[in-house]
């Protein structure tokens, strides 16, 4: 029996994040200005054709994250492919407080994008905060660490965007931000999950030490219109 997190984008867009959905009952995607995740309803030719029709001619990239690889139609081609691990918190996190942590706002969007571009925690946009609150730590007025939330399904929230400026790594700020955001999610009685590249063994070991376990391997495809 499939798990709701086997198809995180589809199940988020069909439920908690339905207001962000574009497309049809055959294929949906997030507003691409927020995040580029998309998913077909199933592997039928009709659904895959609807998936291929989602991007307009000048926005040709989609991100697909599924436990089972999506069989692409010939009108889409793979730009990048990787294996992720999806990690689920083994228990609820305690809600914690720290005077250094503050909520980030739309006024911080450009600085947040710059930090994400520098540290590459995963796909990130200027409108990432539309999906959930982000928090950060500032030093001398600039954001040096942040973390927030992305996809949500009934009972589950994805912790995302965790990053620390290189000048401030190794000081425990990443662990602090993860525990803080995970605690906020747990306080809503939702289970916390996250994704990491299979090859990022250092991050996976860190997440395991903080209470996450690998739930499933996930297939990531970055696809574009075939030429």
C-alpha atoms as a PDB file:
ATOM      1  CA  UNK A   1       0.000   0.000   0.000  1.00  0.00           C
ATOM      2  CA  UNK A   2       1.398   3.388  -0.948  1.00  0.00           C
ATOM      3  CA  UNK A   3       2.257   6.024   1.630  1.00  0.00           C
ATOM      4  CA  UNK A   4       1.018   9.618   1.309  1.00  0.00           C
ATOM      5  CA  UNK A   5       4.661  10.754   1.143  1.00  0.00           C
ATOM      6  CA  UNK A   6       5.465   8.455  -1.791  1.00  0.00           C
ATOM      7  CA  UNK A   7       3.954  11.199  -3.978  1.00  0.00           C
ATOM      8  CA  UNK A   8       4.550  14.306  -1.877  1.00  0.00           C
ATOM      9  CA  UNK A   9       3.855  16.964  -4.505  1.00  0.00           C
ATOM     10  CA  UNK A  10       0.686  15.357  -5.860  1.00  0.00           C
ATOM     11  CA  UNK A  11      -0.722  14.711  -2.407  1.00  0.00           C
ATOM     12  CA  UNK A  12       0.145  18.211  -1.190  1.00  0.00           C
ATOM     13  CA  UNK A  13      -1.453  19.856  -4.242  1.00  0.00           C
ATOM     14  CA  UNK A  14      -4.553  17.700  -3.856  1.00  0.00           C
ATOM     15  CA  UNK A  15      -5.029  18.659  -0.190  1.00  0.00           C
ATOM     16  CA  UNK A  16      -3.337  21.273   2.012  1.00  0.00           C
ATOM     17  CA  UNK A  17      -1.753  23.160  -0.876  1.00  0.00           C
ATOM     18  CA  UNK A  18      -4.676  22.944  -3.298  1.00  0.00           C
ATOM     19  CA  UNK A  19      -4.778  26.752  -3.464  1.00  0.00           C
ATOM     20  CA  UNK A  20      -1.283  26.699  -5.026  1.00  0.00           C
ATOM     21  CA  UNK A  21      -2.212  24.127  -7.680  1.00  0.00           C
ATOM     22  CA  UNK A  22      -2.176  24.821 -11.398  1.00  0.00           C
ATOM     23  CA  UNK A  23      -3.240  22.307 -14.036  1.00  0.00           C
ATOM     24  CA  UNK A  24      -6.060  19.783 -14.129  1.00  0.00           C
ATOM     25  CA  UNK A  25      -7.189  16.560 -12.438  1.00  0.00           C
ATOM     26  CA  UNK A  26      -4.695  14.769 -14.740  1.00  0.00           C
ATOM     27  CA  UNK A  27      -1.542  16.732 -13.768  1.00  0.00           C
ATOM     28  CA  UNK A  28      -0.770  19.513 -11.344  1.00  0.00           C
ATOM     29  CA  UNK A  29       2.116  21.766 -10.437  1.00  0.00           C
ATOM     30  CA  UNK A  30       2.820  24.508  -7.948  1.00  0.00           C
ATOM     31  CA  UNK A  31       2.812  28.096  -9.092  1.00  0.00           C
ATOM     32  CA  UNK A  32       6.324  28.095 -10.590  1.00  0.00           C
ATOM     33  CA  UNK A  33       7.142  31.412  -8.952  1.00  0.00           C
ATOM     34  CA  UNK A  34       6.886  29.538  -5.613  1.00  0.00           C
ATOM     35  CA  UNK A  35       8.445  26.152  -6.408  1.00  0.00           C
ATOM     36  CA  UNK A  36       8.813  24.014  -9.535  1.00  0.00           C
ATOM     37  CA  UNK A  37       7.373  20.722  -8.242  1.00  0.00           C
ATOM     38  CA  UNK A  38       4.824  18.992 -10.486  1.00  0.00           C
ATOM     39  CA  UNK A  39       3.209  15.565 -10.690  1.00  0.00           C
ATOM     40  CA  UNK A  40       0.889  13.556 -12.953  1.00  0.00           C
ATOM     41  CA  UNK A  41      -2.208  11.905 -11.508  1.00  0.00           C
ATOM     42  CA  UNK A  42      -0.883   8.505 -12.620  1.00  0.00           C
ATOM     43  CA  UNK A  43       1.156   6.881 -15.384  1.00  0.00           C
ATOM     44  CA  UNK A  44      -1.629   6.878 -17.973  1.00  0.00           C
ATOM     45  CA  UNK A  45      -0.825   8.439 -21.364  1.00  0.00           C
ATOM     46  CA  UNK A  46      -3.467  11.082 -20.716  1.00  0.00           C
ATOM     47  CA  UNK A  47      -1.927  12.141 -17.404  1.00  0.00           C
ATOM     48  CA  UNK A  48       1.608  12.204 -18.813  1.00  0.00           C
ATOM     49  CA  UNK A  49       0.449  14.308 -21.752  1.00  0.00           C
ATOM     50  CA  UNK A  50      -1.189  16.707 -19.290  1.00  0.00           C
ATOM     51  CA  UNK A  51       2.077  16.853 -17.324  1.00  0.00           C
ATOM     52  CA  UNK A  52       4.031  17.733 -20.465  1.00  0.00           C
ATOM     53  CA  UNK A  53       1.537  20.490 -21.257  1.00  0.00           C
ATOM     54  CA  UNK A  54       1.946  22.241 -17.889  1.00  0.00           C
ATOM     55  CA  UNK A  55       4.887  24.533 -18.647  1.00  0.00           C
ATOM     56  CA  UNK A  56       4.429  27.359 -21.097  1.00  0.00           C
ATOM     57  CA  UNK A  57       6.860  27.808 -23.953  1.00  0.00           C
ATOM     58  CA  UNK A  58       9.115  30.125 -21.955  1.00  0.00           C
ATOM     59  CA  UNK A  59       9.164  28.113 -18.688  1.00  0.00           C
ATOM     60  CA  UNK A  60      10.247  24.637 -19.612  1.00  0.00           C
ATOM     61  CA  UNK A  61      11.467  23.117 -16.337  1.00  0.00           C
ATOM     62  CA  UNK A  62       9.556  20.882 -13.914  1.00  0.00           C
ATOM     63  CA  UNK A  63      10.770  19.043 -10.816  1.00  0.00           C
ATOM     64  CA  UNK A  64       9.365  15.564 -10.214  1.00  0.00           C
ATOM     65  CA  UNK A  65       9.868  13.816  -6.852  1.00  0.00           C
ATOM     66  CA  UNK A  66       8.276  10.398  -6.577  1.00  0.00           C
ATOM     67  CA  UNK A  67       9.093   7.105  -4.866  1.00  0.00           C
ATOM     68  CA  UNK A  68       8.480   5.314  -8.166  1.00  0.00           C
ATOM     69  CA  UNK A  69      10.121   6.859 -11.244  1.00  0.00           C
ATOM     70  CA  UNK A  70       7.732   8.727 -13.527  1.00  0.00           C
ATOM     71  CA  UNK A  71       7.711   7.307 -17.079  1.00  0.00           C
ATOM     72  CA  UNK A  72       8.175  10.448 -19.129  1.00  0.00           C
ATOM     73  CA  UNK A  73       6.365  11.114 -22.404  1.00  0.00           C
ATOM     74  CA  UNK A  74       8.558  11.766 -25.440  1.00  0.00           C
ATOM     75  CA  UNK A  75       7.697  15.435 -25.240  1.00  0.00           C
ATOM     76  CA  UNK A  76       9.726  15.757 -22.030  1.00  0.00           C
ATOM     77  CA  UNK A  77      13.404  15.002 -21.548  1.00  0.00           C
ATOM     78  CA  UNK A  78      15.538  14.657 -18.444  1.00  0.00           C
ATOM     79  CA  UNK A  79      17.768  17.597 -17.650  1.00  0.00           C
ATOM     80  CA  UNK A  80      19.045  16.155 -14.357  1.00  0.00           C
ATOM     81  CA  UNK A  81      18.259  13.028 -12.359  1.00  0.00           C
ATOM     82  CA  UNK A  82      19.257  11.996  -8.838  1.00  0.00           C
ATOM     83  CA  UNK A  83      18.246   9.769  -5.953  1.00  0.00           C
ATOM     84  CA  UNK A  84      17.054  11.422  -2.755  1.00  0.00           C
ATOM     85  CA  UNK A  85      16.359   9.912   0.616  1.00  0.00           C
ATOM     86  CA  UNK A  86      13.163  10.942   2.322  1.00  0.00           C
ATOM     87  CA  UNK A  87      13.657  11.055   6.082  1.00  0.00           C
ATOM     88  CA  UNK A  88      10.843  11.056   8.632  1.00  0.00           C
ATOM     89  CA  UNK A  89      11.143  12.142  12.261  1.00  0.00           C
ATOM     90  CA  UNK A  90      10.931   9.133  14.528  1.00  0.00           C
ATOM     91  CA  UNK A  91       9.093  11.150  17.187  1.00  0.00           C
ATOM     92  CA  UNK A  92       7.743  14.635  17.835  1.00  0.00           C
ATOM     93  CA  UNK A  93      10.295  17.380  18.430  1.00  0.00           C
ATOM     94  CA  UNK A  94      10.147  19.514  21.545  1.00  0.00           C
ATOM     95  CA  UNK A  95       9.228  23.137  20.918  1.00  0.00           C
ATOM     96  CA  UNK A  96      12.219  25.294  21.833  1.00  0.00           C
ATOM     97  CA  UNK A  97      12.973  28.988  22.044  1.00  0.00           C
ATOM     98  CA  UNK A  98      16.120  30.964  21.349  1.00  0.00           C
ATOM     99  CA  UNK A  99      16.374  34.772  21.419  1.00  0.00           C
ATOM    100  CA  UNK A 100      18.564  34.731  18.304  1.00  0.00           C
ATOM    101  CA  UNK A 101      15.839  33.168  16.144  1.00  0.00           C
ATOM    102  CA  UNK A 102      13.299  35.437  14.473  1.00  0.00           C
ATOM    103  CA  UNK A 103      10.635  34.979  11.812  1.00  0.00           C
ATOM    104  CA  UNK A 104      11.670  36.132   8.352  1.00  0.00           C
ATOM    105  CA  UNK A 105       9.364  38.186   6.153  1.00  0.00           C
ATOM    106  CA  UNK A 106       8.850  39.096   2.517  1.00  0.00           C
ATOM    107  CA  UNK A 107      11.235  41.997   3.096  1.00  0.00           C
ATOM    108  CA  UNK A 108      13.967  39.371   3.614  1.00  0.00           C
ATOM    109  CA  UNK A 109      13.197  37.429   0.424  1.00  0.00           C
ATOM    110  CA  UNK A 110      16.143  38.661  -1.656  1.00  0.00           C
ATOM    111  CA  UNK A 111      18.635  38.093   1.178  1.00  0.00           C
ATOM    112  CA  UNK A 112      17.189  34.611   1.769  1.00  0.00           C
ATOM    113  CA  UNK A 113      17.526  33.753  -1.921  1.00  0.00           C
ATOM    114  CA  UNK A 114      21.121  34.978  -1.894  1.00  0.00           C
ATOM    115  CA  UNK A 115      21.933  32.739   1.092  1.00  0.00           C
ATOM    116  CA  UNK A 116      20.214  29.765  -0.561  1.00  0.00           C
ATOM    117  CA  UNK A 117      22.041  30.415  -3.834  1.00  0.00           C
ATOM    118  CA  UNK A 118      25.340  30.465  -1.934  1.00  0.00           C
ATOM    119  CA  UNK A 119      24.726  27.333   0.155  1.00  0.00           C
ATOM    120  CA  UNK A 120      22.414  25.294  -2.139  1.00  0.00           C
ATOM    121  CA  UNK A 121      19.969  23.684   0.318  1.00  0.00           C
ATOM    122  CA  UNK A 122      17.722  22.744  -2.628  1.00  0.00           C
ATOM    123  CA  UNK A 123      15.290  24.531  -4.939  1.00  0.00           C
ATOM    124  CA  UNK A 124      14.521  27.999  -3.589  1.00  0.00           C
ATOM    125  CA  UNK A 125      12.682  31.038  -4.929  1.00  0.00           C
ATOM    126  CA  UNK A 126      11.858  34.572  -3.884  1.00  0.00           C
ATOM    127  CA  UNK A 127       8.357  33.355  -3.002  1.00  0.00           C
ATOM    128  CA  UNK A 128       9.430  30.321  -0.955  1.00  0.00           C
ATOM    129  CA  UNK A 129       7.776  31.821   2.127  1.00  0.00           C
ATOM    130  CA  UNK A 130       4.352  31.487   0.484  1.00  0.00           C
ATOM    131  CA  UNK A 131       4.310  27.817   1.511  1.00  0.00           C
ATOM    132  CA  UNK A 132       5.156  28.356   5.162  1.00  0.00           C
ATOM    133  CA  UNK A 133       6.980  30.427   7.729  1.00  0.00           C
ATOM    134  CA  UNK A 134      10.767  30.695   7.638  1.00  0.00           C
ATOM    135  CA  UNK A 135      12.908  31.669  10.600  1.00  0.00           C
ATOM    136  CA  UNK A 136      16.471  32.909  10.676  1.00  0.00           C
ATOM    137  CA  UNK A 137      19.392  34.097  12.762  1.00  0.00           C
ATOM    138  CA  UNK A 138      21.097  37.408  12.040  1.00  0.00           C
ATOM    139  CA  UNK A 139      24.621  38.484  12.898  1.00  0.00           C
ATOM    140  CA  UNK A 140      25.403  42.179  12.513  1.00  0.00           C
ATOM    141  CA  UNK A 141      22.102  42.581  10.686  1.00  0.00           C
ATOM    142  CA  UNK A 142      22.594  39.950   7.996  1.00  0.00           C
ATOM    143  CA  UNK A 143      20.909  36.547   7.831  1.00  0.00           C
ATOM    144  CA  UNK A 144      23.498  33.828   8.493  1.00  0.00           C
ATOM    145  CA  UNK A 145      21.185  30.833   9.069  1.00  0.00           C
ATOM    146  CA  UNK A 146      17.612  29.976   8.121  1.00  0.00           C
ATOM    147  CA  UNK A 147      15.121  27.144   7.853  1.00  0.00           C
ATOM    148  CA  UNK A 148      11.438  26.808   6.992  1.00  0.00           C
ATOM    149  CA  UNK A 149       8.685  24.655   5.602  1.00  0.00           C
ATOM    150  CA  UNK A 150       7.702  23.633   2.087  1.00  0.00           C
ATOM    151  CA  UNK A 151       5.267  20.870   1.034  1.00  0.00           C
ATOM    152  CA  UNK A 152       2.440  19.920   3.396  1.00  0.00           C
ATOM    153  CA  UNK A 153       0.083  16.959   3.383  1.00  0.00           C
ATOM    154  CA  UNK A 154      -2.536  16.088   6.005  1.00  0.00           C
ATOM    155  CA  UNK A 155      -0.521  15.274   9.105  1.00  0.00           C
ATOM    156  CA  UNK A 156       2.878  15.961   7.527  1.00  0.00           C
ATOM    157  CA  UNK A 157       5.121  18.978   6.838  1.00  0.00           C
ATOM    158  CA  UNK A 158       8.399  19.106   4.948  1.00  0.00           C
ATOM    159  CA  UNK A 159      11.233  20.930   6.670  1.00  0.00           C
ATOM    160  CA  UNK A 160      13.158  22.774   3.969  1.00  0.00           C
ATOM    161  CA  UNK A 161      15.644  25.491   3.146  1.00  0.00           C
ATOM    162  CA  UNK A 162      17.988  24.677   6.028  1.00  0.00           C
ATOM    163  CA  UNK A 163      21.259  26.492   5.414  1.00  0.00           C
ATOM    164  CA  UNK A 164      24.050  28.324   7.204  1.00  0.00           C
ATOM    165  CA  UNK A 165      26.422  30.872   5.705  1.00  0.00           C
ATOM    166  CA  UNK A 166      29.895  29.294   5.250  1.00  0.00           C
ATOM    167  CA  UNK A 167      31.436  31.852   7.627  1.00  0.00           C
ATOM    168  CA  UNK A 168      29.195  30.590  10.436  1.00  0.00           C
ATOM    169  CA  UNK A 169      29.159  26.841   9.836  1.00  0.00           C
ATOM    170  CA  UNK A 170      30.419  24.552  12.592  1.00  0.00           C
ATOM    171  CA  UNK A 171      28.841  26.673  15.339  1.00  0.00           C
ATOM    172  CA  UNK A 172      25.691  24.571  15.844  1.00  0.00           C
ATOM    173  CA  UNK A 173      23.391  27.007  14.048  1.00  0.00           C
ATOM    174  CA  UNK A 174      22.146  24.398  11.578  1.00  0.00           C
ATOM    175  CA  UNK A 175      21.200  21.963  14.344  1.00  0.00           C
ATOM    176  CA  UNK A 176      19.520  24.774  16.264  1.00  0.00           C
ATOM    177  CA  UNK A 177      17.460  25.897  13.264  1.00  0.00           C
ATOM    178  CA  UNK A 178      16.440  22.321  12.447  1.00  0.00           C
ATOM    179  CA  UNK A 179      15.333  21.630  16.030  1.00  0.00           C
ATOM    180  CA  UNK A 180      13.461  24.942  16.190  1.00  0.00           C
ATOM    181  CA  UNK A 181      11.499  24.487  12.957  1.00  0.00           C
ATOM    182  CA  UNK A 182      10.864  20.790  13.639  1.00  0.00           C
ATOM    183  CA  UNK A 183       9.502  21.798  17.043  1.00  0.00           C
ATOM    184  CA  UNK A 184       7.143  24.321  15.437  1.00  0.00           C
ATOM    185  CA  UNK A 185       5.853  21.644  13.040  1.00  0.00           C
ATOM    186  CA  UNK A 186       5.456  19.086  15.830  1.00  0.00           C
ATOM    187  CA  UNK A 187       3.502  21.656  17.854  1.00  0.00           C
ATOM    188  CA  UNK A 188       0.844  21.489  15.106  1.00  0.00           C
ATOM    189  CA  UNK A 189       0.669  17.724  15.651  1.00  0.00           C
ATOM    190  CA  UNK A 190       2.245  17.134  12.239  1.00  0.00           C
ATOM    191  CA  UNK A 191       5.066  14.711  11.475  1.00  0.00           C
ATOM    192  CA  UNK A 192       8.270  16.299  10.185  1.00  0.00           C
ATOM    193  CA  UNK A 193      10.024  15.018   7.082  1.00  0.00           C
ATOM    194  CA  UNK A 194      12.805  16.228   4.835  1.00  0.00           C
ATOM    195  CA  UNK A 195      14.775  15.235   1.764  1.00  0.00           C
ATOM    196  CA  UNK A 196      18.516  14.898   1.184  1.00  0.00           C
ATOM    197  CA  UNK A 197      20.604  13.742  -1.741  1.00  0.00           C
ATOM    198  CA  UNK A 198      21.556  10.081  -1.322  1.00  0.00           C
ATOM    199  CA  UNK A 199      25.184  11.072  -1.806  1.00  0.00           C
ATOM    200  CA  UNK A 200      25.101  13.681   0.977  1.00  0.00           C
ATOM    201  CA  UNK A 201      26.090  11.177   3.631  1.00  0.00           C
ATOM    202  CA  UNK A 202      27.235  13.872   6.052  1.00  0.00           C
ATOM    203  CA  UNK A 203      23.813  15.534   6.106  1.00  0.00           C
ATOM    204  CA  UNK A 204      22.026  12.189   6.350  1.00  0.00           C
ATOM    205  CA  UNK A 205      24.162  11.190   9.343  1.00  0.00           C
ATOM    206  CA  UNK A 206      23.410  14.552  10.970  1.00  0.00           C
ATOM    207  CA  UNK A 207      19.665  14.166  10.458  1.00  0.00           C
ATOM    208  CA  UNK A 208      19.808  10.631  11.855  1.00  0.00           C
ATOM    209  CA  UNK A 209      21.619  11.907  14.939  1.00  0.00           C
ATOM    210  CA  UNK A 210      18.817  14.452  15.424  1.00  0.00           C
ATOM    211  CA  UNK A 211      16.020  11.898  15.281  1.00  0.00           C
ATOM    212  CA  UNK A 212      15.208  11.250  11.624  1.00  0.00           C
ATOM    213  CA  UNK A 213      15.149   7.852   9.921  1.00  0.00           C
ATOM    214  CA  UNK A 214      15.212   7.080   6.211  1.00  0.00           C
ATOM    215  CA  UNK A 215      11.666   6.240   5.106  1.00  0.00           C
ATOM    216  CA  UNK A 216      12.163   5.768   1.377  1.00  0.00           C
ATOM    217  CA  UNK A 217      14.389   6.417  -1.598  1.00  0.00           C
ATOM    218  CA  UNK A 218      12.907   9.060  -3.892  1.00  0.00           C
ATOM    219  CA  UNK A 219      13.521   9.707  -7.579  1.00  0.00           C
ATOM    220  CA  UNK A 220      14.220  13.319  -8.487  1.00  0.00           C
ATOM    221  CA  UNK A 221      13.927  14.345 -12.110  1.00  0.00           C
ATOM    222  CA  UNK A 222      14.451  17.817 -13.477  1.00  0.00           C
ATOM    223  CA  UNK A 223      12.735  17.744 -16.854  1.00  0.00           C
ATOM    224  CA  UNK A 224      12.257  20.145 -19.725  1.00  0.00           C
ATOM    225  CA  UNK A 225      10.446  20.226 -23.017  1.00  0.00           C
ATOM    226  CA  UNK A 226      12.080  17.970 -25.602  1.00  0.00           C
ATOM    227  CA  UNK A 227      13.508  19.737 -28.637  1.00  0.00           C
END
